[in-house]
Amino acid sequence: MQKLSEAAVAQINAICDRHINDKTPLMMILSDIQKEYGYVPVEVQELVSEKTGISVAEIYGVVTFYSFFSLKPKGKYIIGCCLGTACYVKGAQQIIDKFSEILGIGPGETTEDGLFTIDALRCIGACGIAPAVTINGTVYPKMEVGQVADVIAQYRSKED
């Protein structure tokens, strides 16, 4: 989304207009943009600022504070590895390390083919099934290092 197309500008303006009467519209606007495009780059933040009168600094602060938002495009499959206390104690760091090793990327990065992004998450509220991994909303409970390669292969096979 380097340079915004006319269609993208129109759609972002429509999203802003949809929330113009909300008491605090910024989160709703950014959420809708994130859902639509998968990320909220600076160019979009500038457009939202122009449309709403909210400073780019405030918008950037929100985008970088909340882990739901991203400044860069994410992969088709977003692997969320919980590193909350319960998951960490049960080996979550070794699991995220294995995903990183196999995919050749670290947390917060996306594979060159655009298929996978690894996100290190804080507690996702799945302590009873620790260590937990999510991929696009599907939860993998009690994940083991030995399962990581099979999980990746399962998603790669969907692309064949």
N, C-alpha and C. Protein backbone atom coordinates (compact mmCIF):
# COMPACT_ATOMS: atom_id res chain seq x y z
N MET A 1 0.84 -1.18 0.00
CA MET A 1 0.00 0.00 0.00
C MET A 1 0.88 1.24 0.00
N GLN A 2 2.01 1.20 -0.73
CA GLN A 2 2.96 2.30 -0.76
C GLN A 2 2.25 3.62 -1.09
N LYS A 3 1.71 3.71 -2.29
CA LYS A 3 0.94 4.89 -2.68
C LYS A 3 -0.50 4.44 -2.75
N LEU A 4 -1.35 5.16 -2.07
CA LEU A 4 -2.74 4.76 -1.98
C LEU A 4 -3.47 5.00 -3.30
N SER A 5 -4.19 3.99 -3.75
CA SER A 5 -5.01 4.15 -4.96
C SER A 5 -6.23 5.00 -4.63
N GLU A 6 -6.86 5.49 -5.68
CA GLU A 6 -8.08 6.28 -5.47
C GLU A 6 -9.15 5.46 -4.77
N ALA A 7 -9.23 4.19 -5.12
CA ALA A 7 -10.23 3.31 -4.51
C ALA A 7 -9.94 3.13 -3.02
N ALA A 8 -8.66 2.97 -2.67
CA ALA A 8 -8.29 2.81 -1.26
C ALA A 8 -8.60 4.08 -0.48
N VAL A 9 -8.29 5.23 -1.06
CA VAL A 9 -8.58 6.51 -0.39
C VAL A 9 -10.08 6.64 -0.17
N ALA A 10 -10.86 6.30 -1.19
CA ALA A 10 -12.32 6.39 -1.07
C ALA A 10 -12.83 5.45 0.02
N GLN A 11 -12.28 4.23 0.07
CA GLN A 11 -12.73 3.27 1.06
C GLN A 11 -12.35 3.70 2.48
N ILE A 12 -11.16 4.23 2.65
CA ILE A 12 -10.71 4.70 3.97
C ILE A 12 -11.55 5.90 4.40
N ASN A 13 -11.83 6.79 3.46
CA ASN A 13 -12.71 7.93 3.78
C ASN A 13 -14.09 7.44 4.20
N ALA A 14 -14.61 6.41 3.52
CA ALA A 14 -15.92 5.86 3.87
C ALA A 14 -15.89 5.24 5.27
N ILE A 15 -14.81 4.58 5.60
CA ILE A 15 -14.68 4.00 6.94
C ILE A 15 -14.69 5.12 7.98
N CYS A 16 -13.95 6.18 7.72
CA CYS A 16 -13.92 7.32 8.65
C CYS A 16 -15.33 7.93 8.79
N ASP A 17 -16.00 8.09 7.66
CA ASP A 17 -17.35 8.67 7.67
C ASP A 17 -18.33 7.82 8.47
N ARG A 18 -18.16 6.51 8.39
CA ARG A 18 -19.05 5.58 9.11
C ARG A 18 -18.99 5.80 10.62
N HIS A 19 -17.85 6.25 11.10
CA HIS A 19 -17.66 6.39 12.55
C HIS A 19 -17.60 7.84 13.01
N ILE A 20 -17.96 8.77 12.14
CA ILE A 20 -17.84 10.19 12.44
C ILE A 20 -18.63 10.61 13.68
N ASN A 21 -19.76 9.97 13.93
CA ASN A 21 -20.59 10.35 15.07
C ASN A 21 -20.31 9.54 16.33
N ASP A 22 -19.36 8.61 16.25
CA ASP A 22 -18.99 7.85 17.44
C ASP A 22 -18.30 8.77 18.43
N LYS A 23 -18.49 8.48 19.72
CA LYS A 23 -17.88 9.31 20.76
C LYS A 23 -16.36 9.27 20.67
N THR A 24 -15.80 8.08 20.48
CA THR A 24 -14.36 7.92 20.30
C THR A 24 -14.14 7.04 19.07
N PRO A 25 -14.05 7.65 17.90
CA PRO A 25 -14.05 6.90 16.64
C PRO A 25 -12.74 6.21 16.27
N LEU A 26 -11.62 6.64 16.83
CA LEU A 26 -10.33 6.18 16.33
C LEU A 26 -10.17 4.67 16.36
N MET A 27 -10.48 4.03 17.47
CA MET A 27 -10.31 2.57 17.55
C MET A 27 -11.18 1.85 16.52
N MET A 28 -12.39 2.32 16.33
CA MET A 28 -13.29 1.68 15.36
C MET A 28 -12.76 1.86 13.94
N ILE A 29 -12.29 3.07 13.64
CA ILE A 29 -11.74 3.34 12.31
C ILE A 29 -10.53 2.46 12.05
N LEU A 30 -9.59 2.46 12.98
CA LEU A 30 -8.38 1.66 12.80
C LEU A 30 -8.68 0.17 12.73
N SER A 31 -9.62 -0.28 13.53
CA SER A 31 -10.02 -1.68 13.51
C SER A 31 -10.58 -2.07 12.15
N ASP A 32 -11.46 -1.24 11.62
CA ASP A 32 -12.04 -1.52 10.30
C ASP A 32 -10.98 -1.52 9.20
N ILE A 33 -10.03 -0.59 9.29
CA ILE A 33 -8.95 -0.53 8.30
C ILE A 33 -8.07 -1.78 8.41
N GLN A 34 -7.75 -2.17 9.65
CA GLN A 34 -6.93 -3.37 9.87
C GLN A 34 -7.64 -4.60 9.29
N LYS A 35 -8.94 -4.72 9.52
CA LYS A 35 -9.70 -5.86 8.98
C LYS A 35 -9.69 -5.86 7.46
N GLU A 36 -9.80 -4.70 6.88
CA GLU A 36 -9.89 -4.58 5.42
C GLU A 36 -8.56 -4.83 4.72
N TYR A 37 -7.49 -4.25 5.26
CA TYR A 37 -6.19 -4.29 4.58
C TYR A 37 -5.15 -5.18 5.25
N GLY A 38 -5.37 -5.53 6.51
CA GLY A 38 -4.43 -6.38 7.22
C GLY A 38 -3.32 -5.62 7.93
N TYR A 39 -3.25 -4.32 7.72
CA TYR A 39 -2.27 -3.48 8.39
C TYR A 39 -2.66 -2.02 8.24
N VAL A 40 -1.97 -1.14 9.00
CA VAL A 40 -2.29 0.29 8.99
C VAL A 40 -0.98 1.07 8.80
N PRO A 41 -0.53 1.22 7.54
CA PRO A 41 0.73 1.91 7.30
C PRO A 41 0.61 3.42 7.56
N VAL A 42 1.75 4.09 7.60
CA VAL A 42 1.79 5.52 7.91
C VAL A 42 0.95 6.33 6.92
N GLU A 43 0.97 5.95 5.64
CA GLU A 43 0.19 6.69 4.64
C GLU A 43 -1.30 6.71 4.99
N VAL A 44 -1.78 5.59 5.49
CA VAL A 44 -3.18 5.49 5.89
C VAL A 44 -3.42 6.31 7.17
N GLN A 45 -2.49 6.26 8.08
CA GLN A 45 -2.61 7.04 9.31
C GLN A 45 -2.70 8.54 8.98
N GLU A 46 -1.92 8.98 8.00
CA GLU A 46 -1.97 10.39 7.59
C GLU A 46 -3.33 10.75 7.01
N LEU A 47 -3.89 9.85 6.22
CA LEU A 47 -5.22 10.08 5.64
C LEU A 47 -6.28 10.14 6.73
N VAL A 48 -6.21 9.24 7.69
CA VAL A 48 -7.16 9.23 8.81
C VAL A 48 -7.02 10.52 9.60
N SER A 49 -5.80 10.99 9.78
CA SER A 49 -5.56 12.23 10.50
C SER A 49 -6.23 13.41 9.79
N GLU A 50 -6.04 13.48 8.47
CA GLU A 50 -6.67 14.55 7.69
C GLU A 50 -8.19 14.52 7.81
N LYS A 51 -8.74 13.33 7.77
CA LYS A 51 -10.19 13.16 7.77
C LYS A 51 -10.80 13.42 9.14
N THR A 52 -10.09 13.05 10.21
CA THR A 52 -10.68 13.13 11.55
C THR A 52 -10.18 14.30 12.39
N GLY A 53 -9.03 14.87 12.02
CA GLY A 53 -8.44 15.93 12.82
C GLY A 53 -7.63 15.40 14.00
N ILE A 54 -7.52 14.08 14.10
CA ILE A 54 -6.69 13.47 15.15
C ILE A 54 -5.25 13.47 14.65
N SER A 55 -4.32 13.85 15.50
CA SER A 55 -2.92 13.96 15.05
C SER A 55 -2.36 12.60 14.64
N VAL A 56 -1.42 12.64 13.70
CA VAL A 56 -0.75 11.42 13.27
C VAL A 56 -0.01 10.80 14.45
N ALA A 57 0.55 11.62 15.31
CA ALA A 57 1.27 11.11 16.49
C ALA A 57 0.34 10.29 17.38
N GLU A 58 -0.88 10.78 17.60
CA GLU A 58 -1.83 10.02 18.42
C GLU A 58 -2.24 8.72 17.74
N ILE A 59 -2.49 8.80 16.44
CA ILE A 59 -2.88 7.60 15.69
C ILE A 59 -1.74 6.58 15.71
N TYR A 60 -0.52 7.04 15.46
CA TYR A 60 0.65 6.15 15.48
C TYR A 60 0.82 5.52 16.86
N GLY A 61 0.58 6.30 17.89
CA GLY A 61 0.67 5.79 19.25
C GLY A 61 -0.30 4.65 19.51
N VAL A 62 -1.51 4.79 19.00
CA VAL A 62 -2.51 3.73 19.16
C VAL A 62 -2.12 2.49 18.36
N VAL A 63 -1.70 2.70 17.11
CA VAL A 63 -1.34 1.57 16.24
C VAL A 63 -0.17 0.78 16.81
N THR A 64 0.80 1.48 17.40
CA THR A 64 1.97 0.78 17.92
C THR A 64 1.76 0.24 19.33
N PHE A 65 0.78 0.76 20.05
CA PHE A 65 0.52 0.28 21.41
C PHE A 65 -0.23 -1.04 21.41
N TYR A 66 -1.26 -1.15 20.59
CA TYR A 66 -2.10 -2.35 20.59
C TYR A 66 -1.56 -3.39 19.61
N SER A 67 -1.36 -4.60 20.09
CA SER A 67 -0.76 -5.65 19.25
C SER A 67 -1.68 -6.10 18.12
N PHE A 68 -2.96 -5.79 18.20
CA PHE A 68 -3.89 -6.15 17.13
C PHE A 68 -3.52 -5.44 15.83
N PHE A 69 -3.01 -4.21 15.96
CA PHE A 69 -2.68 -3.42 14.77
C PHE A 69 -1.26 -3.72 14.31
N SER A 70 -1.04 -3.55 13.02
CA SER A 70 0.28 -3.80 12.45
C SER A 70 0.63 -2.69 11.48
N LEU A 71 1.90 -2.30 11.45
CA LEU A 71 2.39 -1.31 10.50
C LEU A 71 2.79 -1.94 9.17
N LYS A 72 2.97 -3.26 9.17
CA LYS A 72 3.41 -3.98 7.98
C LYS A 72 2.41 -5.08 7.65
N PRO A 73 2.33 -5.45 6.38
CA PRO A 73 1.42 -6.55 6.01
C PRO A 73 1.81 -7.84 6.72
N LYS A 74 0.80 -8.60 7.08
CA LYS A 74 1.05 -9.89 7.73
C LYS A 74 0.81 -11.00 6.72
N GLY A 75 1.29 -12.18 7.07
CA GLY A 75 1.13 -13.32 6.19
C GLY A 75 -0.31 -13.83 6.15
N LYS A 76 -0.54 -14.71 5.23
CA LYS A 76 -1.87 -15.33 5.10
C LYS A 76 -2.22 -16.10 6.37
N TYR A 77 -1.21 -16.73 6.97
CA TYR A 77 -1.40 -17.50 8.20
C TYR A 77 -0.60 -16.83 9.32
N ILE A 78 -1.31 -16.34 10.31
CA ILE A 78 -0.67 -15.65 11.42
C ILE A 78 -0.57 -16.63 12.59
N ILE A 79 0.66 -16.97 12.91
CA ILE A 79 0.95 -17.91 13.98
C ILE A 79 1.16 -17.11 15.26
N GLY A 80 0.24 -17.24 16.18
CA GLY A 80 0.36 -16.54 17.46
C GLY A 80 0.82 -17.50 18.54
N CYS A 81 2.01 -17.29 19.04
CA CYS A 81 2.56 -18.14 20.10
C CYS A 81 2.43 -17.41 21.43
N CYS A 82 1.64 -17.98 22.33
CA CYS A 82 1.45 -17.36 23.64
C CYS A 82 2.71 -17.53 24.47
N LEU A 83 3.18 -16.41 24.99
CA LEU A 83 4.34 -16.43 25.88
C LEU A 83 3.97 -15.97 27.28
N GLY A 84 2.67 -16.06 27.61
CA GLY A 84 2.23 -15.75 28.97
C GLY A 84 2.88 -16.73 29.94
N THR A 85 2.77 -16.45 31.21
CA THR A 85 3.47 -17.23 32.23
C THR A 85 3.21 -18.73 32.13
N ALA A 86 1.94 -19.15 32.09
CA ALA A 86 1.63 -20.58 32.05
C ALA A 86 2.22 -21.24 30.81
N CYS A 87 2.08 -20.59 29.67
CA CYS A 87 2.61 -21.16 28.43
C CYS A 87 4.14 -21.18 28.45
N TYR A 88 4.72 -20.08 28.93
CA TYR A 88 6.18 -19.99 28.98
C TYR A 88 6.77 -21.10 29.84
N VAL A 89 6.17 -21.32 31.01
CA VAL A 89 6.66 -22.34 31.94
C VAL A 89 6.57 -23.72 31.30
N LYS A 90 5.61 -23.91 30.42
CA LYS A 90 5.44 -25.22 29.80
C LYS A 90 6.12 -25.35 28.44
N GLY A 91 7.04 -24.43 28.13
CA GLY A 91 7.89 -24.60 26.95
C GLY A 91 7.54 -23.77 25.73
N ALA A 92 6.76 -22.71 25.89
CA ALA A 92 6.36 -21.89 24.74
C ALA A 92 7.54 -21.27 24.00
N GLN A 93 8.59 -20.90 24.73
CA GLN A 93 9.75 -20.29 24.06
C GLN A 93 10.39 -21.27 23.07
N GLN A 94 10.48 -22.54 23.46
CA GLN A 94 11.05 -23.54 22.55
C GLN A 94 10.15 -23.74 21.32
N ILE A 95 8.85 -23.58 21.51
CA ILE A 95 7.92 -23.74 20.40
C ILE A 95 8.07 -22.58 19.42
N ILE A 96 8.09 -21.36 19.92
CA ILE A 96 8.26 -20.21 19.03
C ILE A 96 9.62 -20.26 18.35
N ASP A 97 10.64 -20.74 19.06
CA ASP A 97 11.97 -20.90 18.46
C ASP A 97 11.93 -21.90 17.31
N LYS A 98 11.16 -22.98 17.47
CA LYS A 98 11.07 -24.00 16.42
C LYS A 98 10.33 -23.45 15.19
N PHE A 99 9.23 -22.71 15.41
CA PHE A 99 8.55 -22.06 14.29
C PHE A 99 9.53 -21.14 13.56
N SER A 100 10.30 -20.37 14.31
CA SER A 100 11.26 -19.44 13.73
C SER A 100 12.34 -20.17 12.93
N GLU A 101 12.83 -21.26 13.50
CA GLU A 101 13.87 -22.05 12.83
C GLU A 101 13.37 -22.61 11.50
N ILE A 102 12.20 -23.21 11.52
CA ILE A 102 11.67 -23.86 10.31
C ILE A 102 11.31 -22.82 9.25
N LEU A 103 10.70 -21.71 9.67
CA LEU A 103 10.23 -20.71 8.71
C LEU A 103 11.30 -19.69 8.33
N GLY A 104 12.40 -19.64 9.10
CA GLY A 104 13.48 -18.71 8.79
C GLY A 104 13.15 -17.25 9.10
N ILE A 105 12.24 -17.04 10.03
CA ILE A 105 11.86 -15.68 10.43
C ILE A 105 11.73 -15.62 11.95
N GLY A 106 11.78 -14.43 12.47
CA GLY A 106 11.59 -14.25 13.91
C GLY A 106 10.21 -13.70 14.20
N PRO A 107 9.87 -13.58 15.47
CA PRO A 107 8.60 -12.98 15.85
C PRO A 107 8.45 -11.57 15.26
N GLY A 108 7.26 -11.29 14.75
CA GLY A 108 6.99 -10.00 14.13
C GLY A 108 7.37 -9.94 12.67
N GLU A 109 7.88 -11.04 12.13
CA GLU A 109 8.30 -11.07 10.73
C GLU A 109 7.40 -11.97 9.90
N THR A 110 7.47 -11.77 8.59
CA THR A 110 6.65 -12.54 7.64
C THR A 110 7.57 -13.22 6.64
N THR A 111 7.24 -14.45 6.28
CA THR A 111 8.05 -15.17 5.29
C THR A 111 8.00 -14.45 3.95
N GLU A 112 9.05 -14.64 3.15
CA GLU A 112 9.14 -13.97 1.85
C GLU A 112 7.97 -14.32 0.94
N ASP A 113 7.44 -15.53 1.07
CA ASP A 113 6.32 -15.93 0.21
C ASP A 113 4.98 -15.37 0.70
N GLY A 114 5.01 -14.65 1.82
CA GLY A 114 3.79 -14.02 2.34
C GLY A 114 2.82 -14.98 3.00
N LEU A 115 3.26 -16.21 3.26
CA LEU A 115 2.35 -17.19 3.84
C LEU A 115 2.25 -17.10 5.36
N PHE A 116 3.39 -16.91 6.04
CA PHE A 116 3.38 -17.01 7.49
C PHE A 116 3.95 -15.76 8.17
N THR A 117 3.31 -15.39 9.26
CA THR A 117 3.82 -14.37 10.17
C THR A 117 3.83 -15.01 11.55
N ILE A 118 4.90 -14.77 12.30
CA ILE A 118 4.96 -15.25 13.68
C ILE A 118 4.75 -14.06 14.60
N ASP A 119 3.81 -14.19 15.51
CA ASP A 119 3.58 -13.17 16.53
C ASP A 119 3.79 -13.77 17.91
N ALA A 120 4.60 -13.11 18.71
CA ALA A 120 4.75 -13.49 20.11
C ALA A 120 3.66 -12.77 20.87
N LEU A 121 2.79 -13.52 21.53
CA LEU A 121 1.65 -12.94 22.23
C LEU A 121 1.83 -13.01 23.73
N ARG A 122 1.23 -12.08 24.42
CA ARG A 122 1.15 -12.18 25.87
C ARG A 122 -0.02 -13.11 26.17
N CYS A 123 -0.40 -13.26 27.36
CA CYS A 123 -1.43 -14.23 27.74
C CYS A 123 -2.67 -14.13 26.86
N ILE A 124 -3.08 -15.25 26.30
CA ILE A 124 -4.28 -15.28 25.46
C ILE A 124 -5.46 -15.90 26.22
N GLY A 125 -5.26 -16.16 27.50
CA GLY A 125 -6.35 -16.69 28.33
C GLY A 125 -6.60 -18.17 28.14
N ALA A 126 -5.60 -18.89 27.68
CA ALA A 126 -5.74 -20.32 27.46
C ALA A 126 -4.79 -21.09 28.37
N CYS A 127 -4.65 -20.63 29.59
CA CYS A 127 -3.67 -21.18 30.53
C CYS A 127 -3.89 -22.67 30.80
N GLY A 128 -5.12 -23.11 30.77
CA GLY A 128 -5.43 -24.51 31.06
C GLY A 128 -4.98 -25.47 29.96
N ILE A 129 -4.68 -24.92 28.77
CA ILE A 129 -4.25 -25.77 27.65
C ILE A 129 -2.84 -25.38 27.20
N ALA A 130 -2.08 -24.81 28.11
CA ALA A 130 -0.72 -24.34 27.81
C ALA A 130 0.20 -25.49 27.45
N PRO A 131 1.14 -25.21 26.56
CA PRO A 131 1.35 -24.00 25.80
C PRO A 131 0.41 -23.95 24.59
N ALA A 132 -0.15 -22.78 24.34
CA ALA A 132 -1.14 -22.62 23.28
C ALA A 132 -0.58 -21.82 22.11
N VAL A 133 -0.97 -22.23 20.92
CA VAL A 133 -0.62 -21.54 19.69
C VAL A 133 -1.92 -21.31 18.94
N THR A 134 -2.04 -20.16 18.30
CA THR A 134 -3.20 -19.91 17.44
C THR A 134 -2.72 -19.66 16.02
N ILE A 135 -3.48 -20.13 15.08
CA ILE A 135 -3.21 -19.81 13.67
C ILE A 135 -4.54 -19.38 13.07
N ASN A 136 -4.62 -18.10 12.75
CA ASN A 136 -5.84 -17.51 12.20
C ASN A 136 -7.07 -17.90 13.00
N GLY A 137 -6.96 -17.91 14.31
CA GLY A 137 -8.10 -18.17 15.17
C GLY A 137 -8.27 -19.62 15.59
N THR A 138 -7.59 -20.54 14.94
CA THR A 138 -7.63 -21.94 15.35
C THR A 138 -6.61 -22.13 16.47
N VAL A 139 -7.07 -22.70 17.57
CA VAL A 139 -6.20 -22.88 18.74
C VAL A 139 -5.60 -24.29 18.72
N TYR A 140 -4.31 -24.34 18.93
CA TYR A 140 -3.59 -25.60 19.05
C TYR A 140 -3.18 -25.74 20.51
N PRO A 141 -3.91 -26.57 21.27
CA PRO A 141 -3.64 -26.70 22.70
C PRO A 141 -2.46 -27.63 22.98
N LYS A 142 -1.82 -27.39 24.11
CA LYS A 142 -0.74 -28.25 24.59
C LYS A 142 0.26 -28.58 23.47
N MET A 143 0.65 -27.55 22.74
CA MET A 143 1.56 -27.70 21.61
C MET A 143 2.91 -28.23 22.09
N GLU A 144 3.49 -29.10 21.29
CA GLU A 144 4.82 -29.65 21.58
C GLU A 144 5.75 -29.30 20.43
N VAL A 145 7.02 -29.15 20.73
CA VAL A 145 8.01 -28.81 19.71
C VAL A 145 7.94 -29.78 18.54
N GLY A 146 7.75 -31.05 18.83
CA GLY A 146 7.69 -32.07 17.78
C GLY A 146 6.50 -31.95 16.84
N GLN A 147 5.51 -31.15 17.19
CA GLN A 147 4.32 -30.97 16.35
C GLN A 147 4.47 -29.81 15.36
N VAL A 148 5.43 -28.94 15.60
CA VAL A 148 5.53 -27.70 14.83
C VAL A 148 5.68 -27.96 13.34
N ALA A 149 6.59 -28.83 12.93
CA ALA A 149 6.81 -29.10 11.51
C ALA A 149 5.55 -29.62 10.84
N ASP A 150 4.81 -30.49 11.52
CA ASP A 150 3.57 -31.02 10.95
C ASP A 150 2.50 -29.94 10.78
N VAL A 151 2.42 -29.03 11.74
CA VAL A 151 1.45 -27.93 11.65
C VAL A 151 1.79 -27.05 10.46
N ILE A 152 3.06 -26.71 10.29
CA ILE A 152 3.47 -25.89 9.14
C ILE A 152 3.17 -26.62 7.84
N ALA A 153 3.48 -27.90 7.78
CA ALA A 153 3.23 -28.70 6.57
C ALA A 153 1.74 -28.72 6.24
N GLN A 154 0.90 -28.79 7.26
CA GLN A 154 -0.55 -28.79 7.06
C GLN A 154 -1.00 -27.51 6.34
N TYR A 155 -0.46 -26.38 6.75
CA TYR A 155 -0.84 -25.11 6.11
C TYR A 155 -0.20 -24.95 4.75
N ARG A 156 1.01 -25.43 4.58
CA ARG A 156 1.65 -25.37 3.26
C ARG A 156 0.88 -26.22 2.25
N SER A 157 0.36 -27.36 2.69
CA SER A 157 -0.37 -28.24 1.78
C SER A 157 -1.65 -27.61 1.26
N LYS A 158 -2.19 -26.64 2.00
CA LYS A 158 -3.37 -25.93 1.55
C LYS A 158 -3.07 -25.04 0.34
N GLU A 159 -1.80 -24.75 0.15
CA GLU A 159 -1.38 -23.85 -0.93
C GLU A 159 -1.04 -24.60 -2.22
N ASP A 160 -0.96 -25.92 -2.13
CA ASP A 160 -0.59 -26.71 -3.33
C ASP A 160 -1.76 -26.89 -4.28
